[in-house]
Amino acid sequence: MAFTTQYTLSQDATFRSRIQIAMWKAAIDISGESRASLGNLQWIKRQALAASVLRSEPSVWIDQFALAVCQNEALSAASTDGDIQFTVNSIWDDMAGVVGSDLG
């Protein structure tokens, strides 16, 4: 997929609204995550992002998530909600700033 196509998709209002719901769903799910299965820093960073997403105005995070989600070249405006949710979930650590040493 061309960069211009990815960018255009990231700006599509309907697609962005679907990403926004996926962000909030992920944030709620992550807020209830068990610390036991994650590295300490990984858990802290994931929780911090979840809290920020839930407490901030939607415009604070939607641009970043929309651009990140659209890096998945398999997605399109016709993608299922499940595909969008999967992508949001899979980029959460990256968006939270988790690095390899945090996984410990």
N, C-alpha and C. Protein backbone atom coordinates (compact mmCIF):
# COMPACT_ATOMS: atom_id res chain seq x y z
N MET A 1 0.85 -1.17 0.00
CA MET A 1 0.00 0.00 0.00
C MET A 1 0.90 1.24 0.00
N ALA A 2 0.60 2.18 -0.83
CA ALA A 2 1.38 3.41 -0.92
C ALA A 2 1.21 4.25 0.34
N PHE A 3 2.24 5.01 0.67
CA PHE A 3 2.17 5.87 1.84
C PHE A 3 0.99 6.84 1.77
N THR A 4 0.72 7.35 0.58
CA THR A 4 -0.40 8.29 0.44
C THR A 4 -1.73 7.60 0.75
N THR A 5 -1.84 6.34 0.37
CA THR A 5 -3.06 5.58 0.66
C THR A 5 -3.18 5.35 2.16
N GLN A 6 -2.08 4.99 2.80
CA GLN A 6 -2.10 4.80 4.25
C GLN A 6 -2.48 6.09 4.97
N TYR A 7 -1.89 7.19 4.54
CA TYR A 7 -2.20 8.48 5.18
C TYR A 7 -3.67 8.85 4.97
N THR A 8 -4.16 8.67 3.77
CA THR A 8 -5.56 8.98 3.49
C THR A 8 -6.49 8.16 4.38
N LEU A 9 -6.19 6.87 4.54
CA LEU A 9 -6.99 6.03 5.42
C LEU A 9 -6.91 6.53 6.85
N SER A 10 -5.74 6.96 7.29
CA SER A 10 -5.58 7.43 8.68
C SER A 10 -6.38 8.71 8.94
N GLN A 11 -6.78 9.41 7.90
CA GLN A 11 -7.54 10.65 8.04
C GLN A 11 -9.05 10.46 7.81
N ASP A 12 -9.45 9.26 7.41
CA ASP A 12 -10.86 8.97 7.15
C ASP A 12 -11.65 9.00 8.47
N ALA A 13 -12.64 9.86 8.56
CA ALA A 13 -13.37 10.08 9.81
C ALA A 13 -14.02 8.81 10.35
N THR A 14 -14.61 8.03 9.50
CA THR A 14 -15.27 6.79 9.96
C THR A 14 -14.23 5.79 10.46
N PHE A 15 -13.14 5.64 9.73
CA PHE A 15 -12.09 4.72 10.14
C PHE A 15 -11.48 5.17 11.47
N ARG A 16 -11.26 6.47 11.62
CA ARG A 16 -10.71 7.01 12.87
C ARG A 16 -11.66 6.77 14.04
N SER A 17 -12.94 6.87 13.82
CA SER A 17 -13.89 6.63 14.92
C SER A 17 -13.83 5.18 15.36
N ARG A 18 -13.62 4.28 14.43
CA ARG A 18 -13.49 2.86 14.78
C ARG A 18 -12.20 2.60 15.55
N ILE A 19 -11.12 3.27 15.15
CA ILE A 19 -9.86 3.15 15.89
C ILE A 19 -10.04 3.71 17.30
N GLN A 20 -10.74 4.79 17.42
CA GLN A 20 -10.96 5.41 18.73
C GLN A 20 -11.68 4.45 19.68
N ILE A 21 -12.69 3.78 19.21
CA ILE A 21 -13.40 2.80 20.04
C ILE A 21 -12.45 1.66 20.40
N ALA A 22 -11.65 1.21 19.46
CA ALA A 22 -10.68 0.14 19.73
C ALA A 22 -9.65 0.58 20.76
N MET A 23 -9.22 1.84 20.70
CA MET A 23 -8.29 2.38 21.70
C MET A 23 -8.89 2.32 23.09
N TRP A 24 -10.12 2.79 23.21
CA TRP A 24 -10.78 2.81 24.52
C TRP A 24 -11.01 1.41 25.04
N LYS A 25 -11.41 0.50 24.15
CA LYS A 25 -11.62 -0.88 24.58
C LYS A 25 -10.31 -1.49 25.08
N ALA A 26 -9.24 -1.27 24.34
CA ALA A 26 -7.94 -1.77 24.77
C ALA A 26 -7.52 -1.15 26.10
N ALA A 27 -7.74 0.15 26.25
CA ALA A 27 -7.36 0.84 27.49
C ALA A 27 -8.12 0.28 28.69
N ILE A 28 -9.39 0.01 28.51
CA ILE A 28 -10.19 -0.57 29.61
C ILE A 28 -9.68 -1.97 29.93
N ASP A 29 -9.45 -2.77 28.91
CA ASP A 29 -8.94 -4.13 29.13
C ASP A 29 -7.58 -4.11 29.83
N ILE A 30 -6.70 -3.24 29.38
CA ILE A 30 -5.35 -3.16 29.93
C ILE A 30 -5.37 -2.63 31.36
N SER A 31 -6.31 -1.76 31.67
CA SER A 31 -6.42 -1.24 33.04
C SER A 31 -6.65 -2.36 34.05
N GLY A 32 -7.26 -3.44 33.61
CA GLY A 32 -7.52 -4.57 34.50
C GLY A 32 -6.52 -5.70 34.38
N GLU A 33 -5.44 -5.47 33.68
CA GLU A 33 -4.42 -6.50 33.45
C GLU A 33 -3.71 -6.92 34.73
N SER A 34 -3.38 -8.17 34.80
CA SER A 34 -2.57 -8.69 35.91
C SER A 34 -1.11 -8.32 35.69
N ARG A 35 -0.49 -7.86 36.73
CA ARG A 35 0.93 -7.49 36.66
C ARG A 35 1.81 -8.74 36.53
N ALA A 36 1.34 -9.86 37.00
CA ALA A 36 2.16 -11.08 37.09
C ALA A 36 2.70 -11.56 35.75
N SER A 37 1.96 -11.35 34.68
CA SER A 37 2.38 -11.90 33.40
C SER A 37 3.28 -10.97 32.60
N LEU A 38 3.58 -9.78 33.15
CA LEU A 38 4.36 -8.79 32.41
C LEU A 38 5.56 -8.33 33.21
N GLY A 39 6.58 -7.85 32.52
CA GLY A 39 7.70 -7.21 33.19
C GLY A 39 7.21 -5.96 33.90
N ASN A 40 7.87 -5.57 34.98
CA ASN A 40 7.43 -4.44 35.79
C ASN A 40 7.31 -3.15 34.97
N LEU A 41 8.37 -2.80 34.23
CA LEU A 41 8.32 -1.57 33.43
C LEU A 41 7.31 -1.67 32.30
N GLN A 42 7.19 -2.84 31.71
CA GLN A 42 6.20 -3.03 30.66
C GLN A 42 4.80 -2.77 31.22
N TRP A 43 4.49 -3.33 32.38
CA TRP A 43 3.18 -3.16 33.00
C TRP A 43 2.93 -1.68 33.31
N ILE A 44 3.93 -1.02 33.89
CA ILE A 44 3.79 0.39 34.25
C ILE A 44 3.51 1.24 33.02
N LYS A 45 4.25 1.03 31.96
CA LYS A 45 4.07 1.83 30.74
C LYS A 45 2.73 1.54 30.08
N ARG A 46 2.31 0.29 30.07
CA ARG A 46 1.01 -0.06 29.50
C ARG A 46 -0.11 0.60 30.30
N GLN A 47 0.00 0.56 31.62
CA GLN A 47 -1.01 1.17 32.49
C GLN A 47 -1.05 2.69 32.30
N ALA A 48 0.12 3.30 32.18
CA ALA A 48 0.18 4.76 32.00
C ALA A 48 -0.50 5.17 30.70
N LEU A 49 -0.26 4.43 29.63
CA LEU A 49 -0.92 4.75 28.36
C LEU A 49 -2.42 4.54 28.47
N ALA A 50 -2.83 3.45 29.11
CA ALA A 50 -4.26 3.19 29.28
C ALA A 50 -4.93 4.32 30.04
N ALA A 51 -4.31 4.76 31.12
CA ALA A 51 -4.88 5.86 31.91
C ALA A 51 -4.95 7.14 31.10
N SER A 52 -3.92 7.41 30.32
CA SER A 52 -3.91 8.61 29.49
C SER A 52 -5.00 8.57 28.43
N VAL A 53 -5.15 7.43 27.78
CA VAL A 53 -6.19 7.30 26.75
C VAL A 53 -7.57 7.52 27.37
N LEU A 54 -7.79 6.94 28.54
CA LEU A 54 -9.12 7.03 29.16
C LEU A 54 -9.41 8.41 29.74
N ARG A 55 -8.39 9.14 30.13
CA ARG A 55 -8.60 10.44 30.80
C ARG A 55 -8.44 11.64 29.88
N SER A 56 -7.85 11.44 28.71
CA SER A 56 -7.58 12.55 27.80
C SER A 56 -8.72 12.78 26.83
N GLU A 57 -8.72 13.94 26.27
CA GLU A 57 -9.63 14.21 25.16
C GLU A 57 -9.26 13.26 24.02
N PRO A 58 -10.23 12.76 23.27
CA PRO A 58 -9.94 11.81 22.19
C PRO A 58 -8.89 12.32 21.20
N SER A 59 -8.87 13.62 20.96
CA SER A 59 -7.94 14.17 19.98
C SER A 59 -6.48 14.04 20.40
N VAL A 60 -6.22 13.79 21.69
CA VAL A 60 -4.85 13.67 22.17
C VAL A 60 -4.15 12.45 21.56
N TRP A 61 -4.86 11.35 21.43
CA TRP A 61 -4.24 10.10 20.98
C TRP A 61 -4.66 9.62 19.60
N ILE A 62 -5.75 10.11 19.07
CA ILE A 62 -6.27 9.54 17.83
C ILE A 62 -5.32 9.70 16.65
N ASP A 63 -4.64 10.82 16.53
CA ASP A 63 -3.72 11.00 15.41
C ASP A 63 -2.60 9.96 15.45
N GLN A 64 -2.01 9.78 16.64
CA GLN A 64 -0.91 8.83 16.76
C GLN A 64 -1.38 7.40 16.49
N PHE A 65 -2.50 7.01 17.09
CA PHE A 65 -2.99 5.65 16.88
C PHE A 65 -3.42 5.43 15.44
N ALA A 66 -4.08 6.41 14.84
CA ALA A 66 -4.54 6.24 13.45
C ALA A 66 -3.35 6.03 12.51
N LEU A 67 -2.31 6.83 12.68
CA LEU A 67 -1.14 6.66 11.83
C LEU A 67 -0.46 5.32 12.09
N ALA A 68 -0.38 4.91 13.35
CA ALA A 68 0.25 3.62 13.67
C ALA A 68 -0.57 2.45 13.15
N VAL A 69 -1.88 2.51 13.33
CA VAL A 69 -2.74 1.42 12.86
C VAL A 69 -2.63 1.27 11.35
N CYS A 70 -2.56 2.37 10.64
CA CYS A 70 -2.51 2.31 9.18
C CYS A 70 -1.19 1.80 8.64
N GLN A 71 -0.23 1.52 9.51
CA GLN A 71 1.01 0.87 9.07
C GLN A 71 0.76 -0.60 8.75
N ASN A 72 -0.36 -1.13 9.24
CA ASN A 72 -0.75 -2.50 8.89
C ASN A 72 -1.36 -2.44 7.49
N GLU A 73 -0.60 -2.85 6.52
CA GLU A 73 -1.02 -2.72 5.12
C GLU A 73 -2.19 -3.61 4.76
N ALA A 74 -2.54 -4.55 5.64
CA ALA A 74 -3.69 -5.42 5.37
C ALA A 74 -5.01 -4.72 5.68
N LEU A 75 -4.95 -3.60 6.40
CA LEU A 75 -6.18 -2.91 6.77
C LEU A 75 -6.66 -1.98 5.66
N SER A 76 -7.98 -1.81 5.63
CA SER A 76 -8.61 -0.88 4.71
C SER A 76 -9.88 -0.37 5.39
N ALA A 77 -10.56 0.52 4.73
CA ALA A 77 -11.82 1.04 5.29
C ALA A 77 -12.84 -0.09 5.46
N ALA A 78 -12.69 -1.17 4.72
CA ALA A 78 -13.62 -2.30 4.81
C ALA A 78 -13.20 -3.34 5.85
N SER A 79 -12.10 -3.12 6.55
CA SER A 79 -11.64 -4.09 7.55
C SER A 79 -12.66 -4.26 8.66
N THR A 80 -12.65 -5.43 9.26
CA THR A 80 -13.59 -5.70 10.35
C THR A 80 -13.14 -4.97 11.62
N ASP A 81 -14.08 -4.80 12.52
CA ASP A 81 -13.74 -4.21 13.82
C ASP A 81 -12.71 -5.08 14.53
N GLY A 82 -12.83 -6.39 14.39
CA GLY A 82 -11.88 -7.30 15.01
C GLY A 82 -10.47 -7.10 14.50
N ASP A 83 -10.33 -6.85 13.19
CA ASP A 83 -9.00 -6.59 12.62
C ASP A 83 -8.41 -5.29 13.16
N ILE A 84 -9.24 -4.28 13.30
CA ILE A 84 -8.78 -3.01 13.86
C ILE A 84 -8.40 -3.19 15.32
N GLN A 85 -9.22 -3.91 16.07
CA GLN A 85 -8.92 -4.14 17.49
C GLN A 85 -7.62 -4.92 17.64
N PHE A 86 -7.44 -5.94 16.82
CA PHE A 86 -6.21 -6.73 16.86
C PHE A 86 -5.00 -5.84 16.63
N THR A 87 -5.10 -4.93 15.67
CA THR A 87 -3.97 -4.05 15.35
C THR A 87 -3.70 -3.08 16.49
N VAL A 88 -4.74 -2.48 17.05
CA VAL A 88 -4.55 -1.59 18.20
C VAL A 88 -3.88 -2.35 19.34
N ASN A 89 -4.38 -3.52 19.64
CA ASN A 89 -3.80 -4.33 20.73
C ASN A 89 -2.34 -4.66 20.45
N SER A 90 -2.03 -4.95 19.19
CA SER A 90 -0.66 -5.38 18.86
C SER A 90 0.34 -4.23 18.88
N ILE A 91 -0.11 -3.00 18.76
CA ILE A 91 0.82 -1.86 18.78
C ILE A 91 0.85 -1.17 20.15
N TRP A 92 0.06 -1.66 21.10
CA TRP A 92 -0.06 -0.98 22.39
C TRP A 92 1.30 -0.77 23.06
N ASP A 93 2.12 -1.81 23.14
CA ASP A 93 3.43 -1.67 23.78
C ASP A 93 4.29 -0.62 23.06
N ASP A 94 4.24 -0.62 21.74
CA ASP A 94 5.01 0.37 20.99
C ASP A 94 4.53 1.78 21.31
N MET A 95 3.23 1.96 21.35
CA MET A 95 2.67 3.28 21.65
C MET A 95 2.98 3.70 23.09
N ALA A 96 3.13 2.73 23.96
CA ALA A 96 3.42 3.00 25.38
C ALA A 96 4.91 3.24 25.61
N GLY A 97 5.72 2.99 24.61
CA GLY A 97 7.16 3.19 24.75
C GLY A 97 7.88 2.03 25.39
N VAL A 98 7.27 0.85 25.34
CA VAL A 98 7.92 -0.34 25.88
C VAL A 98 9.08 -0.74 24.97
N VAL A 99 10.22 -1.02 25.58
CA VAL A 99 11.39 -1.49 24.85
C VAL A 99 11.77 -2.86 25.37
N GLY A 100 12.64 -3.53 24.66
CA GLY A 100 13.00 -4.91 25.01
C GLY A 100 13.41 -5.11 26.45
N SER A 101 14.17 -4.19 27.00
CA SER A 101 14.63 -4.35 28.39
C SER A 101 13.49 -4.21 29.40
N ASP A 102 12.35 -3.68 28.98
CA ASP A 102 11.19 -3.55 29.88
C ASP A 102 10.45 -4.86 30.05
N LEU A 103 10.71 -5.82 29.20
CA LEU A 103 9.95 -7.07 29.19
C LEU A 103 10.36 -8.02 30.31
N GLY A 104 11.52 -7.82 30.87
CA GLY A 104 12.14 -8.62 31.91
C GLY A 104 11.25 -9.31 32.81
